[in-house]
Amino acid sequence: MTNDAFYNRVSADRITSRQIDELIGIARGLCADGTLNEQEVEYLQKWLACNAAISDQPIIRTLFDRTNAILADGMITQDERADLFDTLNSLAERDFELGEVLKPTTLPLCDPVPDISFAGRRFAFTGTFNFGQRKDCERAVIERGGMAGGLVQTTDFLVIGAYATESWKHSSMGTKIIKACDWRDQGISVAIVSEQHWSAYL
């Protein structure tokens, strides 16, 4: 490795480390009062816009895309607010593998994993997704002849977003997962699958 290449790599590592430390600090500040308002989301988007162009961290690019999508229609829904809060809170607690997904063994996924079909099947989504916002995931299902909406006893598949964390039980998505687990234990046919498994069938 040439000296120039070495110094460029070291410089990039320092920038990335500083960005992540700053992002964690921002996440802690935004989550401190237990909620997110529109001004806070806009502030986060501006910070991400400044940093995404010089970052190779997947979480920064993912968050930038997510905040852009959330703000695009000029209205932040309660689901969007809750999903973003959970993601930022995970960062604030360092309960997050940056740019990585949670290992499947830490979530109550079906084992063996079921095959997925879409026509006539009902899907519910929870968590934060690589694929896009929840409405993007729901649209993908509907385009393939399926149905999408809230978790009910006739739901065929509950799909958990890739950016789940070890503290999922204490996040907003935990309620859905626990309910689906209870129904599954009672013999109600709801399959719990990861985003990676679901997206492989798209």
C-alpha atoms as a PDB file:
ATOM      1  CA  MET A   1       0.000   0.000   0.000  1.00  0.00           C
ATOM      2  CA  THR A   2       1.373   3.422  -0.935  1.00  0.00           C
ATOM      3  CA  ASN A   3       1.711   6.173   1.643  1.00  0.00           C
ATOM      4  CA  ASP A   4      -1.088   8.141  -0.030  1.00  0.00           C
ATOM      5  CA  ALA A   5      -3.427   5.149   0.040  1.00  0.00           C
ATOM      6  CA  PHE A   6      -2.568   4.470   3.680  1.00  0.00           C
ATOM      7  CA  TYR A   7      -3.226   8.049   4.769  1.00  0.00           C
ATOM      8  CA  ASN A   8      -6.457   8.175   2.760  1.00  0.00           C
ATOM      9  CA  ARG A   9      -7.689   5.035   4.468  1.00  0.00           C
ATOM     10  CA  VAL A  10      -6.732   6.268   7.932  1.00  0.00           C
ATOM     11  CA  SER A  11      -8.407   9.605   7.247  1.00  0.00           C
ATOM     12  CA  ALA A  12     -11.589   7.863   6.066  1.00  0.00           C
ATOM     13  CA  ASP A  13     -11.612   5.658   9.190  1.00  0.00           C
ATOM     14  CA  ARG A  14     -11.326   8.727  11.407  1.00  0.00           C
ATOM     15  CA  ILE A  15     -14.150  10.498   9.578  1.00  0.00           C
ATOM     16  CA  THR A  16     -16.381   7.439   9.849  1.00  0.00           C
ATOM     17  CA  SER A  17     -15.639   6.992  13.553  1.00  0.00           C
ATOM     18  CA  ARG A  18     -16.356  10.665  14.229  1.00  0.00           C
ATOM     19  CA  GLN A  19     -19.602  10.494  12.235  1.00  0.00           C
ATOM     20  CA  ILE A  20     -20.864   7.478  14.182  1.00  0.00           C
ATOM     21  CA  ASP A  21     -19.976   9.049  17.530  1.00  0.00           C
ATOM     22  CA  GLU A  22     -21.786  12.228  16.504  1.00  0.00           C
ATOM     23  CA  LEU A  23     -24.804  10.286  15.221  1.00  0.00           C
ATOM     24  CA  ILE A  24     -25.045   8.373  18.516  1.00  0.00           C
ATOM     25  CA  GLY A  25     -24.933  11.685  20.387  1.00  0.00           C
ATOM     26  CA  ILE A  26     -27.668  13.132  18.164  1.00  0.00           C
ATOM     27  CA  ALA A  27     -29.781  10.008  18.631  1.00  0.00           C
ATOM     28  CA  ARG A  28     -29.481  10.286  22.411  1.00  0.00           C
ATOM     29  CA  GLY A  29     -30.536  13.919  22.306  1.00  0.00           C
ATOM     30  CA  LEU A  30     -33.498  13.301  20.024  1.00  0.00           C
ATOM     31  CA  CYS A  31     -34.757  10.343  22.075  1.00  0.00           C
ATOM     32  CA  ALA A  32     -34.225  11.927  25.489  1.00  0.00           C
ATOM     33  CA  ASP A  33     -37.842  13.058  25.876  1.00  0.00           C
ATOM     34  CA  GLY A  34     -39.303   9.802  24.573  1.00  0.00           C
ATOM     35  CA  THR A  35     -40.746  11.176  21.329  1.00  0.00           C
ATOM     36  CA  LEU A  36     -39.839  12.741  17.987  1.00  0.00           C
ATOM     37  CA  ASN A  37     -41.369  15.852  16.478  1.00  0.00           C
ATOM     38  CA  GLU A  38     -41.210  17.083  12.896  1.00  0.00           C
ATOM     39  CA  GLN A  39     -38.477  19.633  13.612  1.00  0.00           C
ATOM     40  CA  GLU A  40     -36.269  16.932  15.098  1.00  0.00           C
ATOM     41  CA  VAL A  41     -36.741  14.688  12.066  1.00  0.00           C
ATOM     42  CA  GLU A  42     -35.894  17.617   9.789  1.00  0.00           C
ATOM     43  CA  TYR A  43     -32.755  18.362  11.830  1.00  0.00           C
ATOM     44  CA  LEU A  44     -31.688  14.717  11.558  1.00  0.00           C
ATOM     45  CA  GLN A  45     -32.289  14.759   7.806  1.00  0.00           C
ATOM     46  CA  LYS A  46     -30.085  17.836   7.372  1.00  0.00           C
ATOM     47  CA  TRP A  47     -27.271  16.260   9.385  1.00  0.00           C
ATOM     48  CA  LEU A  48     -27.539  13.032   7.399  1.00  0.00           C
ATOM     49  CA  ALA A  49     -27.544  14.962   4.111  1.00  0.00           C
ATOM     50  CA  CYS A  50     -24.244  16.608   5.069  1.00  0.00           C
ATOM     51  CA  ASN A  51     -22.666  13.312   6.098  1.00  0.00           C
ATOM     52  CA  ALA A  52     -24.087  10.739   3.675  1.00  0.00           C
ATOM     53  CA  ALA A  53     -21.928  12.015   0.799  1.00  0.00           C
ATOM     54  CA  ILE A  54     -18.689  11.368   2.712  1.00  0.00           C
ATOM     55  CA  SER A  55     -19.697   8.240   4.610  1.00  0.00           C
ATOM     56  CA  ASP A  56     -19.422   4.577   3.765  1.00  0.00           C
ATOM     57  CA  GLN A  57     -21.520   3.538   6.775  1.00  0.00           C
ATOM     58  CA  PRO A  58     -24.693   1.752   5.636  1.00  0.00           C
ATOM     59  CA  ILE A  59     -26.685   2.990   8.639  1.00  0.00           C
ATOM     60  CA  ILE A  60     -26.069   6.631   7.705  1.00  0.00           C
ATOM     61  CA  ARG A  61     -27.210   6.060   4.125  1.00  0.00           C
ATOM     62  CA  THR A  62     -30.183   3.974   5.267  1.00  0.00           C
ATOM     63  CA  LEU A  63     -31.282   6.629   7.763  1.00  0.00           C
ATOM     64  CA  PHE A  64     -30.845   9.350   5.143  1.00  0.00           C
ATOM     65  CA  ASP A  65     -33.055   7.482   2.674  1.00  0.00           C
ATOM     66  CA  ARG A  66     -35.583   6.803   5.431  1.00  0.00           C
ATOM     67  CA  THR A  67     -35.847  10.402   6.626  1.00  0.00           C
ATOM     68  CA  ASN A  68     -36.157  11.609   3.023  1.00  0.00           C
ATOM     69  CA  ALA A  69     -39.036   9.203   2.457  1.00  0.00           C
ATOM     70  CA  ILE A  70     -40.725  10.118   5.747  1.00  0.00           C
ATOM     71  CA  LEU A  71     -40.629  13.835   4.969  1.00  0.00           C
ATOM     72  CA  ALA A  72     -41.409  13.535   1.244  1.00  0.00           C
ATOM     73  CA  ASP A  73     -45.186  13.772   1.608  1.00  0.00           C
ATOM     74  CA  GLY A  74     -45.076  16.537   4.209  1.00  0.00           C
ATOM     75  CA  MET A  75     -46.709  14.397   6.895  1.00  0.00           C
ATOM     76  CA  ILE A  76     -45.150  12.070   9.461  1.00  0.00           C
ATOM     77  CA  THR A  77     -47.430   9.203  10.454  1.00  0.00           C
ATOM     78  CA  GLN A  78     -47.446   7.665  13.919  1.00  0.00           C
ATOM     79  CA  ASP A  79     -45.981   4.430  12.515  1.00  0.00           C
ATOM     80  CA  GLU A  80     -43.161   6.318  10.794  1.00  0.00           C
ATOM     81  CA  ARG A  81     -42.454   8.246  13.981  1.00  0.00           C
ATOM     82  CA  ALA A  82     -42.400   5.092  16.118  1.00  0.00           C
ATOM     83  CA  ASP A  83     -40.160   3.146  13.708  1.00  0.00           C
ATOM     84  CA  LEU A  84     -37.651   5.982  13.452  1.00  0.00           C
ATOM     85  CA  PHE A  85     -37.662   6.497  17.212  1.00  0.00           C
ATOM     86  CA  ASP A  86     -36.932   2.789  17.800  1.00  0.00           C
ATOM     87  CA  THR A  87     -34.008   2.903  15.376  1.00  0.00           C
ATOM     88  CA  LEU A  88     -32.529   6.048  16.940  1.00  0.00           C
ATOM     89  CA  ASN A  89     -33.078   4.729  20.450  1.00  0.00           C
ATOM     90  CA  SER A  90     -31.188   1.558  19.525  1.00  0.00           C
ATOM     91  CA  LEU A  91     -28.304   3.715  18.304  1.00  0.00           C
ATOM     92  CA  ALA A  92     -28.425   5.793  21.468  1.00  0.00           C
ATOM     93  CA  GLU A  93     -28.086   2.641  23.565  1.00  0.00           C
ATOM     94  CA  ARG A  94     -25.428   1.221  21.220  1.00  0.00           C
ATOM     95  CA  ASP A  95     -27.712  -1.798  20.887  1.00  0.00           C
ATOM     96  CA  PHE A  96     -27.131  -1.878  17.163  1.00  0.00           C
ATOM     97  CA  GLU A  97     -24.721  -3.526  14.759  1.00  0.00           C
ATOM     98  CA  LEU A  98     -24.071  -0.644  12.409  1.00  0.00           C
ATOM     99  CA  GLY A  99     -25.003  -1.612   8.886  1.00  0.00           C
ATOM    100  CA  GLU A 100     -25.630  -5.185   9.957  1.00  0.00           C
ATOM    101  CA  VAL A 101     -28.761  -7.111  10.760  1.00  0.00           C
ATOM    102  CA  LEU A 102     -29.648  -8.903  13.944  1.00  0.00           C
ATOM    103  CA  LYS A 103     -28.776 -12.594  13.961  1.00  0.00           C
ATOM    104  CA  PRO A 104     -31.974 -14.600  13.381  1.00  0.00           C
ATOM    105  CA  THR A 105     -31.450 -16.719  16.507  1.00  0.00           C
ATOM    106  CA  THR A 106     -32.249 -13.701  18.689  1.00  0.00           C
ATOM    107  CA  LEU A 107     -35.746 -13.301  17.234  1.00  0.00           C
ATOM    108  CA  PRO A 108     -38.699 -15.723  17.498  1.00  0.00           C
ATOM    109  CA  LEU A 109     -38.686 -16.544  13.791  1.00  0.00           C
ATOM    110  CA  CYS A 110     -40.325 -19.695  12.465  1.00  0.00           C
ATOM    111  CA  ASP A 111     -37.959 -22.638  12.257  1.00  0.00           C
ATOM    112  CA  PRO A 112     -37.975 -24.146   9.752  1.00  0.00           C
ATOM    113  CA  VAL A 113     -38.723 -21.057   7.739  1.00  0.00           C
ATOM    114  CA  PRO A 114     -41.832 -21.368   5.554  1.00  0.00           C
ATOM    115  CA  ASP A 115     -42.072 -20.804   1.836  1.00  0.00           C
ATOM    116  CA  ILE A 116     -43.764 -17.506   1.016  1.00  0.00           C
ATOM    117  CA  SER A 117     -46.459 -16.923  -1.590  1.00  0.00           C
ATOM    118  CA  PHE A 118     -48.340 -13.672  -2.096  1.00  0.00           C
ATOM    119  CA  ALA A 119     -51.616 -14.226  -3.931  1.00  0.00           C
ATOM    120  CA  GLY A 120     -54.450 -14.140  -1.414  1.00  0.00           C
ATOM    121  CA  ARG A 121     -52.108 -14.077   1.587  1.00  0.00           C
ATOM    122  CA  ARG A 122     -52.187 -11.408   4.294  1.00  0.00           C
ATOM    123  CA  PHE A 123     -48.982  -9.722   5.512  1.00  0.00           C
ATOM    124  CA  ALA A 124     -48.178  -7.444   8.449  1.00  0.00           C
ATOM    125  CA  PHE A 125     -44.899  -5.589   8.911  1.00  0.00           C
ATOM    126  CA  THR A 126     -43.073  -4.322  11.969  1.00  0.00           C
ATOM    127  CA  GLY A 127     -39.691  -2.729  12.563  1.00  0.00           C
ATOM    128  CA  THR A 128     -37.325  -0.806  10.314  1.00  0.00           C
ATOM    129  CA  PHE A 129     -36.705  -2.159   6.816  1.00  0.00           C
ATOM    130  CA  ASN A 130     -33.869  -2.064   4.310  1.00  0.00           C
ATOM    131  CA  PHE A 131     -36.517  -2.356   1.588  1.00  0.00           C
ATOM    132  CA  GLY A 132     -38.009   1.030   2.436  1.00  0.00           C
ATOM    133  CA  GLN A 133     -40.815   2.342   4.587  1.00  0.00           C
ATOM    134  CA  ARG A 134     -43.591   0.047   5.714  1.00  0.00           C
ATOM    135  CA  LYS A 135     -45.885   1.400   2.998  1.00  0.00           C
ATOM    136  CA  ASP A 136     -43.272   0.391   0.399  1.00  0.00           C
ATOM    137  CA  CYS A 137     -43.238  -3.159   1.767  1.00  0.00           C
ATOM    138  CA  GLU A 138     -47.035  -3.250   1.774  1.00  0.00           C
ATOM    139  CA  ARG A 139     -47.146  -1.980  -1.811  1.00  0.00           C
ATOM    140  CA  ALA A 140     -44.769  -4.769  -2.893  1.00  0.00           C
ATOM    141  CA  VAL A 141     -47.141  -7.341  -1.396  1.00  0.00           C
ATOM    142  CA  ILE A 142     -50.259  -5.808  -2.967  1.00  0.00           C
ATOM    143  CA  GLU A 143     -48.594  -5.639  -6.390  1.00  0.00           C
ATOM    144  CA  ARG A 144     -48.096  -9.414  -6.125  1.00  0.00           C
ATOM    145  CA  GLY A 145     -51.718 -10.145  -5.295  1.00  0.00           C
ATOM    146  CA  GLY A 146     -51.414 -10.188  -1.507  1.00  0.00           C
ATOM    147  CA  MET A 147     -53.004  -8.126   1.250  1.00  0.00           C
ATOM    148  CA  ALA A 148     -51.230  -5.937   3.811  1.00  0.00           C
ATOM    149  CA  GLY A 149     -52.261  -4.180   6.982  1.00  0.00           C
ATOM    150  CA  GLY A 150     -52.288  -4.509  10.742  1.00  0.00           C
ATOM    151  CA  LEU A 151     -51.656  -7.743  12.607  1.00  0.00           C
ATOM    152  CA  VAL A 152     -54.873  -9.755  12.954  1.00  0.00           C
ATOM    153  CA  GLN A 153     -55.586 -13.425  13.553  1.00  0.00           C
ATOM    154  CA  THR A 154     -56.025 -13.995   9.812  1.00  0.00           C
ATOM    155  CA  THR A 155     -52.513 -12.655   9.091  1.00  0.00           C
ATOM    156  CA  ASP A 156     -50.433 -15.261   7.285  1.00  0.00           C
ATOM    157  CA  PHE A 157     -47.001 -13.624   7.680  1.00  0.00           C
ATOM    158  CA  LEU A 158     -45.571 -11.129  10.160  1.00  0.00           C
ATOM    159  CA  VAL A 159     -42.388  -9.724   8.609  1.00  0.00           C
ATOM    160  CA  ILE A 160     -39.756  -8.241  10.950  1.00  0.00           C
ATOM    161  CA  GLY A 161     -37.532  -5.489   9.564  1.00  0.00           C
ATOM    162  CA  ALA A 162     -33.821  -6.128   9.129  1.00  0.00           C
ATOM    163  CA  TYR A 163     -32.843  -3.451  11.640  1.00  0.00           C
ATOM    164  CA  ALA A 164     -34.221  -5.216  14.680  1.00  0.00           C
ATOM    165  CA  THR A 165     -32.181  -5.104  17.879  1.00  0.00           C
ATOM    166  CA  GLU A 166     -31.566  -7.164  20.984  1.00  0.00           C
ATOM    167  CA  SER A 167     -34.049  -4.936  22.836  1.00  0.00           C
ATOM    168  CA  TRP A 168     -36.926  -5.706  20.468  1.00  0.00           C
ATOM    169  CA  LYS A 169     -39.189  -6.713  23.366  1.00  0.00           C
ATOM    170  CA  HIS A 170     -39.004  -3.157  24.702  1.00  0.00           C
ATOM    171  CA  SER A 171     -39.600  -1.428  21.351  1.00  0.00           C
ATOM    172  CA  SER A 172     -42.905  -0.594  19.689  1.00  0.00           C
ATOM    173  CA  MET A 173     -42.581  -3.603  17.409  1.00  0.00           C
ATOM    174  CA  GLY A 174     -42.299  -5.916  20.425  1.00  0.00           C
ATOM    175  CA  THR A 175     -46.061  -5.816  21.035  1.00  0.00           C
ATOM    176  CA  LYS A 176     -46.806  -7.222  17.572  1.00  0.00           C
ATOM    177  CA  ILE A 177     -44.138  -9.902  17.798  1.00  0.00           C
ATOM    178  CA  ILE A 178     -45.272 -11.083  21.240  1.00  0.00           C
ATOM    179  CA  LYS A 179     -48.913 -11.148  20.104  1.00  0.00           C
ATOM    180  CA  ALA A 180     -47.982 -13.180  17.015  1.00  0.00           C
ATOM    181  CA  CYS A 181     -45.972 -15.589  19.185  1.00  0.00           C
ATOM    182  CA  ASP A 182     -48.947 -16.060  21.516  1.00  0.00           C
ATOM    183  CA  TRP A 183     -51.266 -16.744  18.589  1.00  0.00           C
ATOM    184  CA  ARG A 184     -48.748 -19.140  17.049  1.00  0.00           C
ATOM    185  CA  ASP A 185     -48.519 -21.034  20.362  1.00  0.00           C
ATOM    186  CA  GLN A 186     -52.317 -21.302  20.368  1.00  0.00           C
ATOM    187  CA  GLY A 187     -52.230 -22.962  16.955  1.00  0.00           C
ATOM    188  CA  ILE A 188     -53.244 -19.918  14.935  1.00  0.00           C
ATOM    189  CA  SER A 189     -51.414 -20.034  11.629  1.00  0.00           C
ATOM    190  CA  VAL A 190     -49.260 -16.886  11.589  1.00  0.00           C
ATOM    191  CA  ALA A 191     -45.676 -17.235  10.411  1.00  0.00           C
ATOM    192  CA  ILE A 192     -42.995 -14.890  11.773  1.00  0.00           C
ATOM    193  CA  VAL A 193     -40.245 -14.272   9.214  1.00  0.00           C
ATOM    194  CA  SER A 194     -37.334 -11.908   8.697  1.00  0.00           C
ATOM    195  CA  GLU A 195     -37.191  -9.203   6.075  1.00  0.00           C
ATOM    196  CA  GLN A 196     -34.321 -11.064   4.383  1.00  0.00           C
ATOM    197  CA  HIS A 197     -36.456 -14.200   3.997  1.00  0.00           C
ATOM    198  CA  TRP A 198     -39.476 -12.230   2.773  1.00  0.00           C
ATOM    199  CA  SER A 199     -37.472 -10.185   0.256  1.00  0.00           C
ATOM    200  CA  ALA A 200     -35.941 -13.347  -1.227  1.00  0.00           C
ATOM    201  CA  TYR A 201     -39.406 -14.236  -2.574  1.00  0.00           C
ATOM    202  CA  LEU A 202     -40.098 -10.860  -4.201  1.00  0.00           C
END
